[in-house]
Amino acid sequence: MIPPPETTKVTTRRVACDGATDIPGGAALGHPRVWLEIDERGYVDCGYCDRRFILIGGPADGVDQAALPDISAGSPPEAA
Protein backbone atom coordinates (compact mmCIF):
# COMPACT_ATOMS: atom_id res chain seq x y z
CA MET A 1 0.00 0.00 0.00
CA ILE A 2 1.03 3.60 -0.44
CA PRO A 3 0.64 6.27 2.25
CA PRO A 4 -2.29 8.71 2.02
CA PRO A 5 -1.46 11.93 0.13
CA GLU A 6 -2.03 14.09 3.21
CA THR A 7 -2.55 13.41 6.90
CA THR A 8 -3.97 15.67 9.58
CA LYS A 9 -3.82 14.93 13.30
CA VAL A 10 -6.94 15.94 15.21
CA THR A 11 -8.16 15.95 18.81
CA THR A 12 -11.84 15.15 18.17
CA ARG A 13 -13.55 12.11 16.64
CA ARG A 14 -15.83 14.24 14.43
CA VAL A 15 -14.06 16.26 11.74
CA ALA A 16 -15.04 18.29 8.68
CA CYS A 17 -13.22 18.23 5.35
CA ASP A 18 -13.70 20.55 2.39
CA GLY A 19 -10.48 19.69 0.59
CA ALA A 20 -9.29 23.29 0.64
CA THR A 21 -8.37 24.10 4.23
CA ASP A 22 -4.71 24.74 3.37
CA ILE A 23 -5.17 25.88 -0.25
CA PRO A 24 -4.96 29.58 -1.15
CA GLY A 25 -8.26 30.46 -2.76
CA GLY A 26 -10.29 28.44 -0.31
CA ALA A 27 -13.34 26.27 -0.87
CA ALA A 28 -13.69 27.21 -4.54
CA LEU A 29 -10.77 24.87 -5.21
CA GLY A 30 -11.86 22.10 -2.84
CA HIS A 31 -14.92 19.83 -2.61
CA PRO A 32 -18.27 19.95 -0.75
CA ARG A 33 -17.82 19.99 3.02
CA VAL A 34 -18.32 16.55 4.52
CA TRP A 35 -18.39 15.47 8.15
CA LEU A 36 -16.38 12.37 9.02
CA GLU A 37 -16.41 10.23 12.18
CA ILE A 38 -13.28 8.51 13.45
CA ASP A 39 -14.10 5.06 14.83
CA GLU A 40 -12.18 2.60 17.02
CA ARG A 41 -9.43 2.28 14.38
CA GLY A 42 -8.33 5.82 15.20
CA TYR A 43 -8.49 7.32 11.70
CA VAL A 44 -10.76 8.03 8.75
CA ASP A 45 -10.13 9.00 5.11
CA CYS A 46 -12.07 11.61 3.15
CA GLY A 47 -13.84 9.98 0.21
CA TYR A 48 -13.29 13.07 -1.96
CA CYS A 49 -9.66 14.05 -1.47
CA ASP A 50 -8.19 11.06 0.42
CA ARG A 51 -6.95 13.25 3.27
CA ARG A 52 -6.49 11.06 6.35
CA PHE A 53 -7.56 12.33 9.76
CA ILE A 54 -5.73 10.65 12.64
CA LEU A 55 -6.96 10.90 16.24
CA ILE A 56 -4.10 12.06 18.47
CA GLY A 57 -3.39 9.32 21.01
CA GLY A 58 -5.55 6.82 19.10
CA PRO A 59 -4.47 3.43 17.75
CA ALA A 60 -3.33 4.89 14.39
CA ASP A 61 -1.26 7.71 15.91
CA GLY A 62 2.43 6.97 15.37
CA VAL A 63 1.77 3.99 13.07
CA ASP A 64 3.18 3.70 9.52
CA GLN A 65 0.23 5.10 7.55
CA ALA A 66 1.18 3.14 4.41
CA ALA A 67 0.45 -0.07 6.34
CA LEU A 68 -3.16 0.93 7.10
CA PRO A 69 -6.03 0.34 4.64
CA ASP A 70 -8.14 3.22 3.30
CA ILE A 71 -11.16 3.76 5.56
CA SER A 72 -13.87 6.04 4.21
CA ALA A 73 -16.52 7.32 6.60
CA GLY A 74 -19.14 4.69 7.31
CA SER A 75 -16.97 1.72 6.30
CA PRO A 76 -17.43 -1.23 8.67
CA PRO A 77 -14.34 -2.41 10.57
CA GLU A 78 -12.62 -5.40 9.00
CA ALA A 79 -13.06 -8.72 10.76
CA ALA A 80 -10.00 -9.80 12.69
C-alpha atoms as a PDB file:
ATOM      1  CA  MET A   1       0.000   0.000   0.000  1.00  0.00           C
ATOM      2  CA  ILE A   2       1.033   3.601  -0.443  1.00  0.00           C
ATOM      3  CA  PRO A   3       0.638   6.267   2.247  1.00  0.00           C
ATOM      4  CA  PRO A   4      -2.286   8.713   2.020  1.00  0.00           C
ATOM      5  CA  PRO A   5      -1.461  11.931   0.128  1.00  0.00           C
ATOM      6  CA  GLU A   6      -2.027  14.091   3.207  1.00  0.00           C
ATOM      7  CA  THR A   7      -2.554  13.409   6.903  1.00  0.00           C
ATOM      8  CA  THR A   8      -3.974  15.673   9.582  1.00  0.00           C
ATOM      9  CA  LYS A   9      -3.817  14.926  13.296  1.00  0.00           C
ATOM     10  CA  VAL A  10      -6.942  15.940  15.213  1.00  0.00           C
ATOM     11  CA  THR A  11      -8.158  15.955  18.811  1.00  0.00           C
ATOM     12  CA  THR A  12     -11.842  15.155  18.174  1.00  0.00           C
ATOM     13  CA  ARG A  13     -13.548  12.114  16.638  1.00  0.00           C
ATOM     14  CA  ARG A  14     -15.835  14.236  14.428  1.00  0.00           C
ATOM     15  CA  VAL A  15     -14.059  16.261  11.745  1.00  0.00           C
ATOM     16  CA  ALA A  16     -15.045  18.287   8.680  1.00  0.00           C
ATOM     17  CA  CYS A  17     -13.219  18.229   5.352  1.00  0.00           C
ATOM     18  CA  ASP A  18     -13.696  20.554   2.390  1.00  0.00           C
ATOM     19  CA  GLY A  19     -10.475  19.687   0.595  1.00  0.00           C
ATOM     20  CA  ALA A  20      -9.294  23.288   0.640  1.00  0.00           C
ATOM     21  CA  THR A  21      -8.367  24.097   4.231  1.00  0.00           C
ATOM     22  CA  ASP A  22      -4.712  24.739   3.368  1.00  0.00           C
ATOM     23  CA  ILE A  23      -5.169  25.875  -0.251  1.00  0.00           C
ATOM     24  CA  PRO A  24      -4.957  29.581  -1.148  1.00  0.00           C
ATOM     25  CA  GLY A  25      -8.264  30.464  -2.764  1.00  0.00           C
ATOM     26  CA  GLY A  26     -10.292  28.441  -0.306  1.00  0.00           C
ATOM     27  CA  ALA A  27     -13.339  26.273  -0.870  1.00  0.00           C
ATOM     28  CA  ALA A  28     -13.693  27.210  -4.542  1.00  0.00           C
ATOM     29  CA  LEU A  29     -10.769  24.875  -5.210  1.00  0.00           C
ATOM     30  CA  GLY A  30     -11.865  22.099  -2.844  1.00  0.00           C
ATOM     31  CA  HIS A  31     -14.917  19.832  -2.608  1.00  0.00           C
ATOM     32  CA  PRO A  32     -18.266  19.950  -0.754  1.00  0.00           C
ATOM     33  CA  ARG A  33     -17.820  19.988   3.022  1.00  0.00           C
ATOM     34  CA  VAL A  34     -18.318  16.552   4.516  1.00  0.00           C
ATOM     35  CA  TRP A  35     -18.386  15.474   8.152  1.00  0.00           C
ATOM     36  CA  LEU A  36     -16.384  12.370   9.023  1.00  0.00           C
ATOM     37  CA  GLU A  37     -16.415  10.233  12.176  1.00  0.00           C
ATOM     38  CA  ILE A  38     -13.279   8.513  13.454  1.00  0.00           C
ATOM     39  CA  ASP A  39     -14.101   5.062  14.831  1.00  0.00           C
ATOM     40  CA  GLU A  40     -12.175   2.597  17.022  1.00  0.00           C
ATOM     41  CA  ARG A  41      -9.427   2.276  14.383  1.00  0.00           C
ATOM     42  CA  GLY A  42      -8.327   5.819  15.202  1.00  0.00           C
ATOM     43  CA  TYR A  43      -8.488   7.316  11.704  1.00  0.00           C
ATOM     44  CA  VAL A  44     -10.758   8.031   8.750  1.00  0.00           C
ATOM     45  CA  ASP A  45     -10.132   9.004   5.107  1.00  0.00           C
ATOM     46  CA  CYS A  46     -12.069  11.613   3.145  1.00  0.00           C
ATOM     47  CA  GLY A  47     -13.842   9.983   0.215  1.00  0.00           C
ATOM     48  CA  TYR A  48     -13.292  13.074  -1.956  1.00  0.00           C
ATOM     49  CA  CYS A  49      -9.660  14.051  -1.473  1.00  0.00           C
ATOM     50  CA  ASP A  50      -8.189  11.056   0.419  1.00  0.00           C
ATOM     51  CA  ARG A  51      -6.955  13.251   3.273  1.00  0.00           C
ATOM     52  CA  ARG A  52      -6.487  11.059   6.353  1.00  0.00           C
ATOM     53  CA  PHE A  53      -7.558  12.327   9.758  1.00  0.00           C
ATOM     54  CA  ILE A  54      -5.728  10.648  12.643  1.00  0.00           C
ATOM     55  CA  LEU A  55      -6.958  10.898  16.237  1.00  0.00           C
ATOM     56  CA  ILE A  56      -4.099  12.058  18.472  1.00  0.00           C
ATOM     57  CA  GLY A  57      -3.385   9.322  21.012  1.00  0.00           C
ATOM     58  CA  GLY A  58      -5.547   6.822  19.103  1.00  0.00           C
ATOM     59  CA  PRO A  59      -4.467   3.427  17.749  1.00  0.00           C
ATOM     60  CA  ALA A  60      -3.326   4.887  14.394  1.00  0.00           C
ATOM     61  CA  ASP A  61      -1.257   7.706  15.911  1.00  0.00           C
ATOM     62  CA  GLY A  62       2.434   6.972  15.372  1.00  0.00           C
ATOM     63  CA  VAL A  63       1.774   3.988  13.070  1.00  0.00           C
ATOM     64  CA  ASP A  64       3.180   3.700   9.524  1.00  0.00           C
ATOM     65  CA  GLN A  65       0.226   5.100   7.552  1.00  0.00           C
ATOM     66  CA  ALA A  66       1.183   3.143   4.414  1.00  0.00           C
ATOM     67  CA  ALA A  67       0.449  -0.070   6.338  1.00  0.00           C
ATOM     68  CA  LEU A  68      -3.158   0.927   7.097  1.00  0.00           C
ATOM     69  CA  PRO A  69      -6.030   0.345   4.643  1.00  0.00           C
ATOM     70  CA  ASP A  70      -8.141   3.217   3.301  1.00  0.00           C
ATOM     71  CA  ILE A  71     -11.156   3.763   5.557  1.00  0.00           C
ATOM     72  CA  SER A  72     -13.871   6.042   4.210  1.00  0.00           C
ATOM     73  CA  ALA A  73     -16.525   7.320   6.597  1.00  0.00           C
ATOM     74  CA  GLY A  74     -19.136   4.686   7.306  1.00  0.00           C
ATOM     75  CA  SER A  75     -16.969   1.724   6.300  1.00  0.00           C
ATOM     76  CA  PRO A  76     -17.429  -1.226   8.672  1.00  0.00           C
ATOM     77  CA  PRO A  77     -14.340  -2.412  10.568  1.00  0.00           C
ATOM     78  CA  GLU A  78     -12.623  -5.400   9.002  1.00  0.00           C
ATOM     79  CA  ALA A  79     -13.064  -8.725  10.756  1.00  0.00           C
ATOM     80  CA  ALA A  80      -9.996  -9.800  12.692  1.00  0.00           C
END
